[in-house]
Amino acid sequence: MEEKMSSQGMLKKLFSLQIGIIPMPLYILLIVAYVLLTWGNQMPDDMLGAIGIMTLFSFILEEIGKHIPILKSLGGKVLVVTFLPSYLVYENWLPKSTVHVVTDFMNNNNFLAFFIALLIVGSISAMNRKTLIKASTRIIVVLLICELVGPLLGIAVGSLLGLSIWKSYFYVVAPIMAGGVGEGALPLSLGYAAIISMAQPKIFAMILPCVMLGSLVAVILSGILKKMGDIHPEWTGNGRLVEADDGQSDLGNLTQKSSGADIEKMLVSGILAISLYLLGVWVNSVIHLPAPIVLLIVVMIAKMLGWIPESLQEGGKSLYSLTVKGITPPLLFGVGIAMTPWESLVTVFTNIPMLITIVVTVTGIVCAAFFSAKMLGMYPVDTAIAVSCCSGQGGTGALAILAAGDRMELMPFAQVAVRLGGAITVTLSIFLMRLFV
């Protein structure tokens, strides 16, 4: 009788556990469905199949990352959710149907853009207006300082390690700071190929590993910055770049304050995000300005001018919480499967001078952002995390970097660092190469 009661108690305790936000009974049900469909080769190649797979793997990997000693303090959950799937794909240790369904979904549905649109509208609409105005002007100054420090430091270290100035800048530093793959490494390789006698695919293959490793280093440094903020609370605004003037609530405490969600207001905020993104797509077809930047500019101007009504601000808070808690982990897993080739990381690890140059360059950017933020009266931890996104894989890198630092509310400022910093780097690099060839 006692054994039976003990077994029931253990079973009740097991069922009371959660994997991330998922109750254990529901998670077991998801496992059973996944195993049956995969075993019978019947996994649907659609949105529901992909999201089911991404949810199943991402939350358990996140739990693992949270409990690995030392690594958990370096953004471990993000490293495990993003880079372990990449390695599993490389070793062919995941079912082919799983890889195919997730890759197809990520490549054909622009899920990352959907996430960024929701996060930008949710975070900016709920942000303190005066804080946004102060932070926006100052972060551009910090970014410009980093755009100077990063290349100088990278060239100096690369030269000391035997790399030429030419290779250090054009093939290591510039790709890191170019703003990702699609809007950074790709236009860089096309620009280089038009100037020098080398095929574009070969150039792209040379610079892609630097982009990947630069993003990995930024993720680790973001985790370190978060730990620094925990130890020195005066260094961090917990999601704010500057201190609020008027005592209004801000995104730093959003998850604690938005306990109840107004579904209608949240849906309206979501529709606003989608509408502005679609408008951005049209603007991009006319003046070639990326849709996320159009959305970012419109929402920031509307917020600064006080044009966002109270109902949309409340909806933005709920939308932000939903996006961060429910979408971030599955999206990180999808990025690891479809957009993070393990081969690229391995390539750089075998080239020690290039590896050290990348690490020093990204570290220099973070340090420059940290100390310049202090001089400008900004929170150095949050500013350094946001600006470090200029050395990531564009939107995918910003997602991983901010998640590692637990600062997803900084996505609007991360987009400024990625897009503006990337545009400056790509334009300057192609100009300099044409000048010296």
Protein backbone atom coordinates (compact mmCIF):
# COMPACT_ATOMS: atom_id res chain seq x y z
CA MET A 1 0.00 0.00 0.00
CA GLU A 2 2.82 2.38 0.94
CA GLU A 3 4.66 1.51 -2.28
CA LYS A 4 1.53 2.30 -4.28
CA MET A 5 1.14 5.68 -2.54
CA SER A 6 4.84 6.37 -3.11
CA SER A 7 4.51 5.57 -6.83
CA GLN A 8 1.46 7.81 -7.11
CA GLY A 9 3.36 10.59 -5.36
CA MET A 10 6.29 10.28 -7.76
CA LEU A 11 3.95 10.26 -10.74
CA LYS A 12 2.14 13.33 -9.44
CA LYS A 13 5.47 15.07 -8.89
CA LEU A 14 6.59 14.17 -12.43
CA PHE A 15 3.39 15.53 -13.96
CA SER A 16 3.77 18.76 -11.98
CA LEU A 17 7.07 19.53 -13.73
CA GLN A 18 7.39 21.85 -16.73
CA ILE A 19 9.69 21.85 -19.75
CA GLY A 20 10.08 25.56 -20.28
CA ILE A 21 6.50 26.83 -20.35
CA ILE A 22 5.04 23.41 -21.27
CA PRO A 23 3.43 21.21 -18.56
CA MET A 24 4.95 17.72 -18.49
CA PRO A 25 1.77 15.82 -19.55
CA LEU A 26 1.43 18.04 -22.62
CA TYR A 27 5.14 17.68 -23.40
CA ILE A 28 4.86 13.87 -23.23
CA LEU A 29 1.90 14.05 -25.60
CA LEU A 30 4.01 16.11 -28.02
CA ILE A 31 6.83 13.55 -27.82
CA VAL A 32 4.43 10.69 -28.58
CA ALA A 33 2.99 12.52 -31.60
CA TYR A 34 6.49 13.34 -32.89
CA VAL A 35 7.78 9.77 -32.52
CA LEU A 36 4.73 8.24 -34.22
CA LEU A 37 4.85 10.63 -37.16
CA THR A 38 8.61 10.40 -37.59
CA TRP A 39 8.65 6.61 -37.26
CA GLY A 40 5.92 6.31 -39.88
CA ASN A 41 7.50 8.96 -42.12
CA GLN A 42 4.27 10.98 -41.91
CA MET A 43 5.48 14.26 -40.43
CA PRO A 44 3.48 17.02 -42.19
CA ASP A 45 5.66 19.39 -44.19
CA ASP A 46 3.75 22.49 -43.15
CA MET A 47 3.68 25.19 -40.48
CA LEU A 48 2.10 22.98 -37.81
CA GLY A 49 4.65 20.22 -38.33
CA ALA A 50 7.58 22.64 -38.20
CA ILE A 51 6.36 24.53 -35.14
CA GLY A 52 5.62 21.25 -33.37
CA ILE A 53 9.17 20.01 -33.98
CA MET A 54 10.75 23.33 -33.05
CA THR A 55 8.72 23.51 -29.84
CA LEU A 56 9.54 19.93 -28.85
CA PHE A 57 13.30 20.32 -29.20
CA SER A 58 13.81 23.98 -28.26
CA PHE A 59 12.34 23.97 -24.77
CA ILE A 60 14.14 20.82 -23.66
CA LEU A 61 17.44 22.11 -25.08
CA GLU A 62 16.87 25.41 -23.29
CA GLU A 63 16.37 23.53 -20.01
CA ILE A 64 19.61 21.65 -20.59
CA GLY A 65 21.48 24.88 -21.30
CA LYS A 66 20.16 26.45 -18.08
CA HIS A 67 21.71 23.69 -15.97
CA ILE A 68 25.19 23.29 -17.49
CA PRO A 69 27.77 24.65 -15.00
CA ILE A 70 29.76 27.71 -16.18
CA LEU A 71 28.10 27.61 -19.61
CA LYS A 72 24.78 28.70 -18.11
CA SER A 73 26.45 31.99 -17.15
CA LEU A 74 27.66 32.54 -20.73
CA GLY A 75 24.31 32.40 -22.46
CA GLY A 76 24.26 28.61 -22.22
CA LYS A 77 20.60 28.14 -23.07
CA VAL A 78 21.02 30.09 -26.32
CA LEU A 79 24.27 28.33 -27.22
CA VAL A 80 22.66 24.91 -26.72
CA VAL A 81 19.38 25.74 -28.49
CA THR A 82 21.12 27.36 -31.48
CA PHE A 83 24.47 25.65 -32.01
CA LEU A 84 23.82 22.08 -30.80
CA PRO A 85 21.15 21.54 -33.51
CA SER A 86 23.65 22.83 -36.07
CA TYR A 87 26.13 20.19 -34.93
CA LEU A 88 23.46 17.47 -34.93
CA VAL A 89 22.60 18.33 -38.54
CA TYR A 90 26.30 18.26 -39.45
CA GLU A 91 26.66 14.76 -37.95
CA ASN A 92 23.34 13.57 -39.47
CA TRP A 93 22.05 12.68 -36.00
CA LEU A 94 18.61 14.19 -36.51
CA PRO A 95 15.92 12.47 -38.62
CA LYS A 96 15.99 13.71 -42.20
CA SER A 97 12.28 14.51 -42.08
CA THR A 98 12.85 16.76 -39.05
CA VAL A 99 15.64 18.69 -40.75
CA HIS A 100 13.70 18.96 -44.01
CA VAL A 101 10.46 20.22 -42.41
CA VAL A 102 12.18 22.83 -40.22
CA THR A 103 14.56 24.02 -42.96
CA ASP A 104 11.74 24.32 -45.48
CA PHE A 105 9.64 26.31 -43.02
CA MET A 106 12.46 28.68 -42.03
CA ASN A 107 13.61 29.30 -45.61
CA ASN A 108 10.22 29.72 -47.23
CA ASN A 109 8.06 31.51 -44.65
CA ASN A 110 10.31 34.33 -43.37
CA PHE A 111 9.42 33.44 -39.79
CA LEU A 112 12.34 35.49 -38.47
CA ALA A 113 10.97 38.68 -40.07
CA PHE A 114 7.57 37.97 -38.50
CA PHE A 115 9.23 37.63 -35.09
CA ILE A 116 11.26 40.83 -35.46
CA ALA A 117 8.21 42.79 -36.62
CA LEU A 118 6.17 41.70 -33.58
CA LEU A 119 9.06 42.37 -31.21
CA ILE A 120 9.81 45.85 -32.58
CA VAL A 121 6.19 47.01 -32.39
CA GLY A 122 5.64 45.38 -29.00
CA SER A 123 8.78 46.75 -27.40
CA ILE A 124 8.71 50.30 -28.83
CA SER A 125 5.00 50.88 -28.24
CA ALA A 126 5.43 49.92 -24.57
CA MET A 127 8.65 51.87 -24.10
CA ASN A 128 9.00 55.13 -22.20
CA ARG A 129 8.81 57.90 -24.83
CA LYS A 130 11.46 60.18 -23.29
CA THR A 131 13.75 57.21 -22.73
CA LEU A 132 13.42 56.24 -26.39
CA ILE A 133 14.33 59.75 -27.58
CA LYS A 134 17.42 59.95 -25.35
CA ALA A 135 18.59 56.41 -26.13
CA SER A 136 18.15 56.68 -29.91
CA THR A 137 20.43 59.69 -30.28
CA ARG A 138 23.13 58.40 -27.97
CA ILE A 139 23.32 54.84 -29.30
CA ILE A 140 24.23 56.16 -32.77
CA VAL A 141 27.24 57.93 -31.24
CA VAL A 142 28.28 54.71 -29.49
CA LEU A 143 27.85 52.75 -32.72
CA LEU A 144 30.05 55.17 -34.67
CA ILE A 145 32.78 54.85 -32.02
CA CYS A 146 32.61 51.05 -32.33
CA GLU A 147 32.70 51.31 -36.12
CA LEU A 148 36.09 52.98 -35.70
CA VAL A 149 37.53 50.92 -32.83
CA GLY A 150 36.58 47.50 -34.22
CA PRO A 151 38.42 47.75 -37.57
CA LEU A 152 41.51 49.44 -36.09
CA LEU A 153 41.85 46.79 -33.40
CA GLY A 154 41.16 43.92 -35.81
CA ILE A 155 43.71 45.15 -38.34
CA ALA A 156 46.36 45.68 -35.64
CA VAL A 157 45.92 42.21 -34.12
CA GLY A 158 45.67 40.49 -37.51
CA SER A 159 48.88 42.16 -38.66
CA LEU A 160 50.72 41.09 -35.49
CA LEU A 161 49.59 37.49 -36.09
CA GLY A 162 50.85 37.39 -39.66
CA LEU A 163 47.73 38.33 -41.59
CA SER A 164 48.12 41.16 -44.08
CA ILE A 165 46.27 44.41 -43.50
CA TRP A 166 44.30 43.65 -46.66
CA LYS A 167 43.13 40.23 -45.45
CA SER A 168 42.60 41.37 -41.86
CA TYR A 169 40.17 44.09 -42.87
CA PHE A 170 38.47 42.93 -46.06
CA TYR A 171 38.16 39.21 -45.25
CA VAL A 172 37.88 39.15 -41.45
CA VAL A 173 36.82 42.45 -39.86
CA ALA A 174 34.48 43.78 -42.56
CA PRO A 175 32.44 40.55 -42.83
CA ILE A 176 31.99 40.48 -39.04
CA MET A 177 30.59 44.03 -38.99
CA ALA A 178 28.69 43.89 -42.29
CA GLY A 179 25.29 43.17 -40.78
CA GLY A 180 24.82 39.43 -41.29
CA VAL A 181 24.70 37.11 -44.27
CA GLY A 182 21.95 38.20 -46.65
CA GLU A 183 22.50 41.95 -46.20
CA GLY A 184 26.18 41.80 -45.24
CA ALA A 185 28.38 38.97 -46.45
CA LEU A 186 26.46 38.51 -49.70
CA PRO A 187 26.65 42.14 -50.95
CA LEU A 188 30.25 42.29 -49.74
CA SER A 189 31.16 39.25 -51.83
CA LEU A 190 29.31 40.65 -54.85
CA GLY A 191 31.09 44.00 -54.48
CA TYR A 192 34.50 42.36 -54.06
CA ALA A 193 33.94 40.09 -57.06
CA ALA A 194 33.14 43.11 -59.25
CA ILE A 195 36.50 44.67 -58.34
CA ILE A 196 38.98 41.78 -58.11
CA SER A 197 39.44 38.75 -60.35
CA MET A 198 37.84 36.17 -58.04
CA ALA A 199 34.50 34.39 -58.33
CA GLN A 200 31.76 35.58 -55.97
CA PRO A 201 30.97 32.09 -54.57
CA LYS A 202 34.63 31.63 -53.60
CA ILE A 203 34.74 35.01 -51.84
CA PHE A 204 31.46 34.27 -50.07
CA ALA A 205 32.82 30.91 -48.84
CA MET A 206 35.90 32.71 -47.49
CA ILE A 207 34.06 35.35 -45.47
CA LEU A 208 31.02 33.38 -44.23
CA PRO A 209 32.95 31.56 -41.44
CA CYS A 210 34.02 34.91 -39.97
CA VAL A 211 30.40 36.04 -39.83
CA MET A 212 29.38 32.85 -38.02
CA LEU A 213 32.18 32.90 -35.47
CA GLY A 214 31.81 36.63 -34.83
CA SER A 215 28.18 35.99 -33.93
CA LEU A 216 29.14 33.12 -31.61
CA VAL A 217 31.67 35.30 -29.78
CA ALA A 218 29.06 38.06 -29.41
CA VAL A 219 26.59 35.56 -27.93
CA ILE A 220 29.14 34.46 -25.31
CA LEU A 221 30.06 38.06 -24.48
CA SER A 222 26.38 38.92 -24.11
CA GLY A 223 26.06 36.19 -21.50
CA ILE A 224 29.10 37.59 -19.69
CA LEU A 225 27.62 41.10 -19.78
CA LYS A 226 24.38 39.81 -18.27
CA LYS A 227 26.39 38.26 -15.43
CA MET A 228 28.24 41.55 -14.93
CA GLY A 229 24.90 43.33 -14.67
CA ASP A 230 23.75 40.84 -12.03
CA ILE A 231 26.90 41.50 -9.99
CA HIS A 232 26.87 45.28 -10.53
CA PRO A 233 23.20 46.41 -10.72
CA GLU A 234 24.28 50.02 -11.22
CA TRP A 235 25.67 49.08 -14.64
CA THR A 236 22.38 47.85 -16.09
CA GLY A 237 18.93 49.22 -16.78
CA ASN A 238 17.54 45.67 -17.21
CA GLY A 239 16.42 46.40 -20.74
CA ARG A 240 16.81 50.18 -20.80
CA LEU A 241 19.73 52.10 -22.28
CA VAL A 242 19.15 55.27 -20.24
CA GLU A 243 17.29 56.11 -17.05
CA ALA A 244 13.66 57.20 -17.42
CA ASP A 245 12.91 60.81 -16.48
CA ASP A 246 9.23 60.76 -15.59
CA GLY A 247 8.69 57.56 -13.64
CA GLN A 248 6.66 55.88 -16.38
CA SER A 249 6.79 52.11 -16.58
CA ASP A 250 9.34 50.78 -18.97
CA LEU A 251 10.19 47.47 -20.62
CA GLY A 252 12.78 46.61 -18.00
CA ASN A 253 10.05 45.24 -15.73
CA LEU A 254 7.58 44.31 -18.41
CA THR A 255 7.35 40.59 -17.74
CA GLN A 256 6.56 41.22 -14.09
CA LYS A 257 3.99 43.97 -14.73
CA SER A 258 1.94 42.51 -17.60
CA SER A 259 0.29 39.63 -15.79
CA GLY A 260 -3.00 39.99 -17.60
CA ALA A 261 -3.18 40.17 -21.39
CA ASP A 262 -5.93 42.00 -23.25
CA ILE A 263 -6.28 39.70 -26.25
CA GLU A 264 -8.04 42.25 -28.47
CA LYS A 265 -5.44 44.95 -27.82
CA MET A 266 -2.63 42.45 -28.39
CA LEU A 267 -4.14 41.32 -31.69
CA VAL A 268 -4.49 44.93 -32.86
CA SER A 269 -0.81 45.52 -32.06
CA GLY A 270 0.05 42.38 -34.03
CA ILE A 271 -1.99 43.58 -37.01
CA LEU A 272 -0.18 46.92 -36.81
CA ALA A 273 3.16 45.09 -36.96
CA ILE A 274 2.10 43.07 -40.00
CA SER A 275 0.63 46.13 -41.78
CA LEU A 276 3.77 48.20 -41.26
CA TYR A 277 5.99 45.33 -42.38
CA LEU A 278 3.99 44.96 -45.60
CA LEU A 279 4.29 48.70 -46.14
CA GLY A 280 8.03 48.30 -45.60
CA VAL A 281 8.17 45.62 -48.30
CA TRP A 282 6.62 48.09 -50.74
CA VAL A 283 9.01 50.87 -49.69
CA ASN A 284 11.91 48.46 -50.17
CA SER A 285 10.79 47.84 -53.76
CA VAL A 286 10.94 51.60 -54.40
CA ILE A 287 14.02 52.83 -52.53
CA HIS A 288 15.69 49.56 -51.44
CA LEU A 289 15.38 50.24 -47.71
CA PRO A 290 14.89 46.93 -45.81
CA ALA A 291 11.35 46.36 -44.58
CA PRO A 292 12.34 45.92 -40.88
CA ILE A 293 14.08 49.31 -40.97
CA VAL A 294 11.01 50.98 -42.48
CA LEU A 295 8.88 49.45 -39.74
CA LEU A 296 11.41 50.51 -37.09
CA ILE A 297 11.57 54.11 -38.32
CA VAL A 298 7.78 54.50 -38.55
CA VAL A 299 7.10 53.07 -35.08
CA MET A 300 9.94 55.05 -33.46
CA ILE A 301 8.74 58.33 -35.00
CA ALA A 302 5.13 57.60 -33.99
CA LYS A 303 6.23 56.82 -30.43
CA MET A 304 8.46 59.89 -30.15
CA LEU A 305 5.64 62.14 -31.38
CA GLY A 306 3.14 60.55 -28.98
CA TRP A 307 0.94 59.17 -31.76
CA ILE A 308 0.60 55.64 -30.35
CA PRO A 309 -2.64 55.44 -28.32
CA GLU A 310 -2.78 53.96 -24.83
CA SER A 311 -4.65 50.86 -26.06
CA LEU A 312 -1.85 50.01 -28.50
CA GLN A 313 0.75 50.55 -25.79
CA GLU A 314 -1.05 48.07 -23.54
CA GLY A 315 -1.39 45.65 -26.43
CA GLY A 316 2.31 46.08 -27.17
CA LYS A 317 3.22 44.93 -23.67
CA SER A 318 1.23 41.72 -24.09
CA LEU A 319 2.53 41.20 -27.61
CA TYR A 320 6.11 41.57 -26.39
CA SER A 321 5.61 39.02 -23.60
CA LEU A 322 3.98 36.52 -25.96
CA THR A 323 6.76 36.90 -28.52
CA VAL A 324 9.62 36.50 -26.04
CA LYS A 325 8.19 33.62 -24.02
CA GLY A 326 6.47 31.64 -26.76
CA ILE A 327 8.36 32.27 -30.00
CA THR A 328 12.01 32.91 -29.08
CA PRO A 329 13.11 29.33 -28.15
CA PRO A 330 11.48 27.60 -31.19
CA LEU A 331 12.87 30.29 -33.49
CA LEU A 332 16.40 29.86 -32.11
CA PHE A 333 16.17 26.12 -32.80
CA GLY A 334 15.01 26.84 -36.35
CA VAL A 335 17.93 29.23 -36.85
CA GLY A 336 20.33 26.52 -35.66
CA ILE A 337 18.90 23.96 -38.06
CA ALA A 338 18.47 26.08 -41.18
CA MET A 339 20.78 29.10 -40.92
CA THR A 340 23.86 28.08 -38.93
CA PRO A 341 26.16 25.80 -40.97
CA TRP A 342 28.49 24.00 -38.56
CA GLU A 343 31.12 23.63 -41.29
CA SER A 344 31.64 27.39 -41.31
CA LEU A 345 32.46 27.48 -37.60
CA VAL A 346 34.83 24.52 -37.90
CA THR A 347 36.70 26.23 -40.76
CA VAL A 348 37.63 29.23 -38.61
CA PHE A 349 38.59 27.14 -35.56
CA THR A 350 41.43 25.60 -37.59
CA ASN A 351 42.90 29.01 -38.51
CA ILE A 352 44.33 30.33 -35.23
CA PRO A 353 45.39 33.84 -36.41
CA MET A 354 41.97 34.42 -37.94
CA LEU A 355 40.25 33.00 -34.84
CA ILE A 356 42.14 35.33 -32.49
CA THR A 357 41.51 38.31 -34.76
CA ILE A 358 37.78 37.64 -34.74
CA VAL A 359 37.64 37.23 -30.95
CA VAL A 360 39.66 40.41 -30.33
CA THR A 361 37.63 42.44 -32.85
CA VAL A 362 34.26 41.53 -31.33
CA THR A 363 35.60 41.95 -27.79
CA GLY A 364 36.96 45.36 -28.76
CA ILE A 365 33.56 46.42 -30.11
CA VAL A 366 31.87 45.33 -26.88
CA CYS A 367 34.46 47.10 -24.69
CA ALA A 368 34.23 50.29 -26.77
CA ALA A 369 30.45 50.25 -26.45
CA PHE A 370 30.66 49.59 -22.71
CA PHE A 371 33.02 52.44 -21.86
CA SER A 372 31.61 54.98 -24.33
CA ALA A 373 28.13 54.28 -22.92
CA LYS A 374 29.37 55.11 -19.42
CA MET A 375 30.78 58.40 -20.68
CA LEU A 376 27.47 59.25 -22.35
CA GLY A 377 25.40 58.51 -19.25
CA MET A 378 23.93 55.26 -20.60
CA TYR A 379 23.69 51.86 -18.94
CA PRO A 380 26.89 50.17 -20.20
CA VAL A 381 25.72 46.54 -19.96
CA ASP A 382 22.54 47.05 -21.98
CA THR A 383 24.23 49.37 -24.49
CA ALA A 384 27.10 46.93 -25.09
CA ILE A 385 24.67 44.04 -25.61
CA ALA A 386 22.62 46.03 -28.13
CA VAL A 387 25.62 47.39 -30.07
CA SER A 388 27.38 43.99 -30.12
CA CYS A 389 24.62 42.87 -32.49
CA CYS A 390 26.51 44.74 -35.23
CA SER A 391 28.97 41.83 -35.15
CA GLY A 392 26.32 39.11 -35.41
CA GLN A 393 24.53 37.30 -38.23
CA GLY A 394 22.09 40.12 -38.89
CA GLY A 395 18.61 39.36 -37.54
CA THR A 396 19.47 35.79 -36.57
CA GLY A 397 22.56 36.95 -34.69
CA ALA A 398 20.67 39.74 -32.92
CA LEU A 399 18.07 37.21 -31.79
CA ALA A 400 20.72 34.91 -30.28
CA ILE A 401 22.77 37.76 -28.75
CA LEU A 402 19.81 39.44 -27.07
CA ALA A 403 18.42 36.11 -25.85
CA ALA A 404 21.80 35.22 -24.31
CA GLY A 405 21.83 38.54 -22.47
CA ASP A 406 18.13 38.24 -21.55
CA ARG A 407 17.54 41.64 -23.16
CA MET A 408 15.03 40.95 -25.96
CA GLU A 409 13.44 44.36 -25.33
CA LEU A 410 16.53 45.89 -26.95
CA MET A 411 15.67 44.48 -30.40
CA PRO A 412 14.83 47.95 -31.88
CA PHE A 413 18.27 49.26 -30.91
CA ALA A 414 19.88 46.01 -32.07
CA GLN A 415 18.29 46.57 -35.47
CA VAL A 416 19.82 50.05 -35.58
CA ALA A 417 23.24 48.53 -34.83
CA VAL A 418 22.81 45.76 -37.39
CA ARG A 419 21.34 47.79 -40.26
CA LEU A 420 23.09 51.13 -39.84
CA GLY A 421 26.41 49.56 -38.80
CA GLY A 422 26.18 47.02 -41.60
CA ALA A 423 25.38 49.64 -44.24
CA ILE A 424 28.34 51.76 -43.14
CA THR A 425 30.71 48.77 -43.22
CA VAL A 426 29.58 47.38 -46.59
CA THR A 427 29.67 50.79 -48.29
CA LEU A 428 33.05 51.73 -46.83
CA SER A 429 34.65 48.34 -47.54
CA ILE A 430 33.65 48.26 -51.20
CA PHE A 431 34.74 51.90 -51.60
CA LEU A 432 38.15 51.21 -50.04
CA MET A 433 38.73 48.08 -52.09
CA ARG A 434 37.93 49.97 -55.29
CA LEU A 435 40.22 52.80 -54.15
CA PHE A 436 43.25 50.60 -53.49
CA VAL A 437 42.95 48.08 -56.35
